[in-house]
Amino acid sequence: MPKLDTVVRDAPHGAALVDFEAQLEAFRTLFRKVEAASLDPVRSRDFIHRLMKEL
């Protein structure tokens, strides 16, 4: 993953650009956690198919 140098946060009052290094590091950490918890494309597809069968 390329190093993030900016983040755009959407909020009810509009978008905010984040480019402060400490805040960016917090977003990088959060992104790594989300990425680690995510399923790969094949497992994600299989999971969705199983859910569809249960409905």
N, C-alpha and C. Protein backbone atom coordinates (compact mmCIF):
# COMPACT_ATOMS: atom_id res chain seq x y z
N MET A 1 0.85 -1.16 0.00
CA MET A 1 0.00 0.00 0.00
C MET A 1 0.90 1.24 0.00
N PRO A 2 0.65 2.15 -0.92
CA PRO A 2 1.44 3.39 -0.89
C PRO A 2 1.13 4.18 0.37
N LYS A 3 2.08 4.94 0.82
CA LYS A 3 1.90 5.74 2.02
C LYS A 3 0.88 6.85 1.77
N LEU A 4 -0.11 6.93 2.64
CA LEU A 4 -1.11 7.98 2.50
C LEU A 4 -0.49 9.33 2.82
N ASP A 5 -0.76 10.32 1.99
CA ASP A 5 -0.27 11.65 2.29
C ASP A 5 -1.41 12.64 2.53
N THR A 6 -2.63 12.24 2.21
CA THR A 6 -3.82 13.03 2.53
C THR A 6 -5.00 12.10 2.72
N VAL A 7 -5.96 12.55 3.49
CA VAL A 7 -7.20 11.83 3.71
C VAL A 7 -8.32 12.85 3.59
N VAL A 8 -9.39 12.48 2.90
CA VAL A 8 -10.57 13.34 2.83
C VAL A 8 -11.65 12.67 3.65
N ARG A 9 -12.12 13.37 4.67
CA ARG A 9 -13.18 12.85 5.54
C ARG A 9 -14.49 13.54 5.17
N ASP A 10 -15.50 12.73 4.87
CA ASP A 10 -16.84 13.26 4.62
C ASP A 10 -17.58 13.34 5.94
N ALA A 11 -18.30 14.42 6.12
CA ALA A 11 -19.09 14.64 7.33
C ALA A 11 -20.37 15.36 6.93
N PRO A 12 -21.36 15.35 7.81
CA PRO A 12 -22.63 16.01 7.47
C PRO A 12 -22.46 17.49 7.09
N HIS A 13 -21.46 18.15 7.65
CA HIS A 13 -21.26 19.56 7.36
C HIS A 13 -20.29 19.81 6.21
N GLY A 14 -19.82 18.77 5.56
CA GLY A 14 -18.93 18.90 4.41
C GLY A 14 -17.70 18.04 4.56
N ALA A 15 -16.81 18.14 3.60
CA ALA A 15 -15.58 17.33 3.60
C ALA A 15 -14.46 18.08 4.30
N ALA A 16 -13.54 17.31 4.89
CA ALA A 16 -12.38 17.90 5.55
C ALA A 16 -11.13 17.19 5.04
N LEU A 17 -10.13 17.95 4.69
CA LEU A 17 -8.86 17.41 4.23
C LEU A 17 -7.92 17.27 5.42
N VAL A 18 -7.38 16.07 5.60
CA VAL A 18 -6.45 15.80 6.70
C VAL A 18 -5.08 15.56 6.09
N ASP A 19 -4.09 16.34 6.51
CA ASP A 19 -2.73 16.14 6.02
C ASP A 19 -1.68 16.27 7.12
N PHE A 20 -2.12 16.34 8.36
CA PHE A 20 -1.22 16.41 9.50
C PHE A 20 -0.68 15.01 9.77
N GLU A 21 0.64 14.86 9.87
CA GLU A 21 1.27 13.54 9.93
C GLU A 21 0.75 12.65 11.06
N ALA A 22 0.54 13.20 12.24
CA ALA A 22 0.04 12.38 13.36
C ALA A 22 -1.35 11.83 13.06
N GLN A 23 -2.20 12.66 12.47
CA GLN A 23 -3.55 12.21 12.11
C GLN A 23 -3.48 11.17 10.99
N LEU A 24 -2.59 11.40 10.01
CA LEU A 24 -2.44 10.43 8.93
C LEU A 24 -1.99 9.08 9.46
N GLU A 25 -1.09 9.09 10.43
CA GLU A 25 -0.63 7.82 11.00
C GLU A 25 -1.78 7.08 11.68
N ALA A 26 -2.67 7.81 12.32
CA ALA A 26 -3.85 7.19 12.94
C ALA A 26 -4.73 6.55 11.86
N PHE A 27 -4.89 7.22 10.72
CA PHE A 27 -5.68 6.64 9.62
C PHE A 27 -4.98 5.43 9.02
N ARG A 28 -3.66 5.49 8.90
CA ARG A 28 -2.91 4.33 8.39
C ARG A 28 -3.12 3.12 9.29
N THR A 29 -3.05 3.34 10.59
CA THR A 29 -3.25 2.26 11.55
C THR A 29 -4.66 1.69 11.43
N LEU A 30 -5.64 2.56 11.35
CA LEU A 30 -7.03 2.12 11.20
C LEU A 30 -7.20 1.34 9.90
N PHE A 31 -6.63 1.84 8.81
CA PHE A 31 -6.73 1.16 7.53
C PHE A 31 -6.10 -0.22 7.58
N ARG A 32 -4.93 -0.34 8.22
CA ARG A 32 -4.28 -1.66 8.35
C ARG A 32 -5.16 -2.64 9.13
N LYS A 33 -5.83 -2.15 10.17
CA LYS A 33 -6.72 -3.02 10.96
C LYS A 33 -7.90 -3.48 10.15
N VAL A 34 -8.50 -2.57 9.40
CA VAL A 34 -9.65 -2.92 8.55
C VAL A 34 -9.21 -3.91 7.47
N GLU A 35 -8.07 -3.63 6.87
CA GLU A 35 -7.55 -4.51 5.82
C GLU A 35 -7.27 -5.91 6.37
N ALA A 36 -6.72 -6.00 7.57
CA ALA A 36 -6.41 -7.30 8.18
C ALA A 36 -7.68 -8.09 8.49
N ALA A 37 -8.76 -7.39 8.82
CA ALA A 37 -10.02 -8.05 9.17
C ALA A 37 -10.85 -8.40 7.94
N SER A 38 -10.49 -7.87 6.78
CA SER A 38 -11.27 -8.06 5.56
C SER A 38 -11.02 -9.43 4.95
N LEU A 39 -12.04 -9.94 4.30
CA LEU A 39 -11.90 -11.19 3.55
C LEU A 39 -11.30 -10.89 2.19
N ASP A 40 -10.57 -11.87 1.63
CA ASP A 40 -10.09 -11.70 0.26
C ASP A 40 -11.29 -11.81 -0.68
N PRO A 41 -11.14 -11.45 -1.95
CA PRO A 41 -12.30 -11.43 -2.86
C PRO A 41 -13.05 -12.77 -2.96
N VAL A 42 -12.34 -13.87 -3.02
CA VAL A 42 -13.01 -15.18 -3.15
C VAL A 42 -13.79 -15.50 -1.87
N ARG A 43 -13.18 -15.33 -0.72
CA ARG A 43 -13.87 -15.62 0.54
C ARG A 43 -15.03 -14.65 0.76
N SER A 44 -14.87 -13.42 0.33
CA SER A 44 -15.94 -12.44 0.44
C SER A 44 -17.14 -12.87 -0.41
N ARG A 45 -16.88 -13.26 -1.65
CA ARG A 45 -17.95 -13.72 -2.54
C ARG A 45 -18.64 -14.94 -1.95
N ASP A 46 -17.87 -15.90 -1.44
CA ASP A 46 -18.46 -17.10 -0.85
C ASP A 46 -19.32 -16.76 0.36
N PHE A 47 -18.86 -15.83 1.17
CA PHE A 47 -19.62 -15.39 2.34
C PHE A 47 -20.95 -14.76 1.91
N ILE A 48 -20.91 -13.91 0.92
CA ILE A 48 -22.14 -13.28 0.42
C ILE A 48 -23.11 -14.32 -0.13
N HIS A 49 -22.59 -15.30 -0.85
CA HIS A 49 -23.45 -16.36 -1.39
C HIS A 49 -24.10 -17.17 -0.26
N ARG A 50 -23.34 -17.47 0.79
CA ARG A 50 -23.92 -18.19 1.93
C ARG A 50 -25.01 -17.37 2.60
N LEU A 51 -24.79 -16.09 2.75
CA LEU A 51 -25.82 -15.22 3.34
C LEU A 51 -27.08 -15.19 2.49
N MET A 52 -26.89 -15.12 1.19
CA MET A 52 -28.05 -15.09 0.30
C MET A 52 -28.89 -16.36 0.42
N LYS A 53 -28.24 -17.50 0.58
CA LYS A 53 -28.95 -18.76 0.72
C LYS A 53 -29.73 -18.81 2.03
N GLU A 54 -29.23 -18.14 3.05
CA GLU A 54 -29.89 -18.15 4.36
C GLU A 54 -31.12 -17.24 4.39
N LEU A 55 -31.20 -16.30 3.47
CA LEU A 55 -32.33 -15.35 3.49
C LEU A 55 -33.57 -15.91 2.84
